Protein backbone atom coordinates (compact mmCIF):
# COMPACT_ATOMS: atom_id res chain seq x y z
CA MET A 1 7.93 22.53 23.94
CA SER A 2 11.71 22.61 23.93
CA GLN A 3 11.79 18.95 22.91
CA LEU A 4 10.11 19.63 19.51
CA PRO A 5 12.85 21.71 17.79
CA GLN A 6 15.38 19.10 18.98
CA GLN A 7 13.36 16.28 17.59
CA ILE A 8 12.97 18.12 14.40
CA PHE A 9 16.58 18.95 13.87
CA SER A 10 17.66 15.44 15.01
CA GLU A 11 15.65 13.94 12.11
CA LEU A 12 17.48 16.18 9.55
CA LEU A 13 20.42 14.83 7.55
CA PRO A 14 23.89 15.79 8.84
CA PRO A 15 25.58 18.62 6.84
CA GLU A 16 28.35 16.12 5.60
CA GLN A 17 25.67 13.85 4.05
CA ILE A 18 23.92 16.78 2.35
CA VAL A 19 27.16 18.09 0.93
CA SER A 20 28.03 14.59 -0.38
CA SER A 21 24.49 14.09 -1.91
CA LEU A 22 24.83 17.54 -3.69
CA ARG A 23 28.39 16.67 -4.79
CA ASP A 24 27.03 13.45 -6.55
CA THR A 25 23.96 15.25 -7.93
CA ILE A 26 25.16 18.51 -9.37
CA PRO A 27 27.49 17.13 -12.10
CA SER A 28 24.80 14.85 -13.44
CA LEU A 29 22.25 17.86 -13.45
CA MET A 30 24.95 19.95 -15.27
CA PHE A 31 25.45 17.37 -17.83
CA TRP A 32 21.69 17.04 -18.68
CA LEU A 33 21.34 20.76 -18.85
CA ALA A 34 24.43 21.11 -21.13
CA ARG A 35 22.84 18.42 -23.33
CA LEU A 36 19.78 20.43 -23.95
CA ASP A 37 19.90 21.88 -27.42
CA PRO A 38 16.89 24.20 -28.03
CA LYS A 39 16.05 23.71 -31.71
CA ASP A 40 12.56 25.13 -31.98
CA THR A 41 11.89 27.82 -29.25
CA ASP A 42 8.94 29.50 -30.90
CA VAL A 43 6.34 28.81 -28.24
CA ILE A 44 3.45 30.51 -29.98
CA ALA A 45 3.78 28.51 -33.08
CA GLN A 46 4.11 25.17 -30.99
CA PHE A 47 1.01 26.18 -29.12
CA GLN A 48 -0.84 26.91 -32.37
CA GLN A 49 0.07 23.62 -33.89
CA SER A 50 -0.91 21.81 -30.75
CA PHE A 51 -4.40 23.48 -30.69
CA LYS A 52 -4.79 22.76 -34.32
CA HIS A 53 -4.10 19.05 -33.74
CA PHE A 54 -6.52 19.09 -30.73
CA VAL A 55 -9.29 20.33 -32.94
CA GLN A 56 -8.54 18.08 -35.92
CA SER A 57 -8.21 14.99 -33.80
CA GLY A 58 -11.70 15.59 -32.29
CA GLN A 59 -10.46 16.01 -28.79
CA VAL A 60 -12.19 19.30 -28.45
CA TRP A 61 -15.59 17.49 -28.94
CA ALA A 62 -14.77 14.99 -26.25
CA LEU A 63 -13.77 17.90 -23.87
CA LEU A 64 -17.09 19.75 -24.56
CA ILE A 65 -19.20 16.49 -24.07
CA GLY A 66 -17.36 15.94 -20.92
CA VAL A 67 -17.95 19.36 -19.57
CA VAL A 68 -21.66 19.10 -20.27
CA ILE A 69 -22.08 15.63 -18.89
CA GLY A 70 -20.15 16.82 -15.85
CA TYR A 71 -22.32 19.98 -15.34
CA LEU A 72 -25.36 17.90 -15.62
CA PHE A 73 -24.14 15.20 -13.23
CA ARG A 74 -23.21 17.91 -10.81
CA GLY A 75 -26.74 19.39 -11.21
CA PHE A 76 -28.32 15.99 -10.42
CA THR A 77 -26.19 15.17 -7.41
CA SER A 78 -26.20 18.58 -5.70
CA TYR A 79 -29.59 18.09 -4.16
């Protein structure tokens, strides 16, 4: 049993490599976070617009037909 923890810890990266990796990753992450410019933050309006498009494009009918066919298929294959 004492070999297992040693084996797990021997497979982990050494601390120097973890620090080096973070040192390379954090500046690029900060750059992309700083570049984000939230212009439209009205989530409710975005959801309403997306749902309206979902209905107008006919995807709601495809969803309902798929649910019905899936329910029937499950009913036929459950016996």
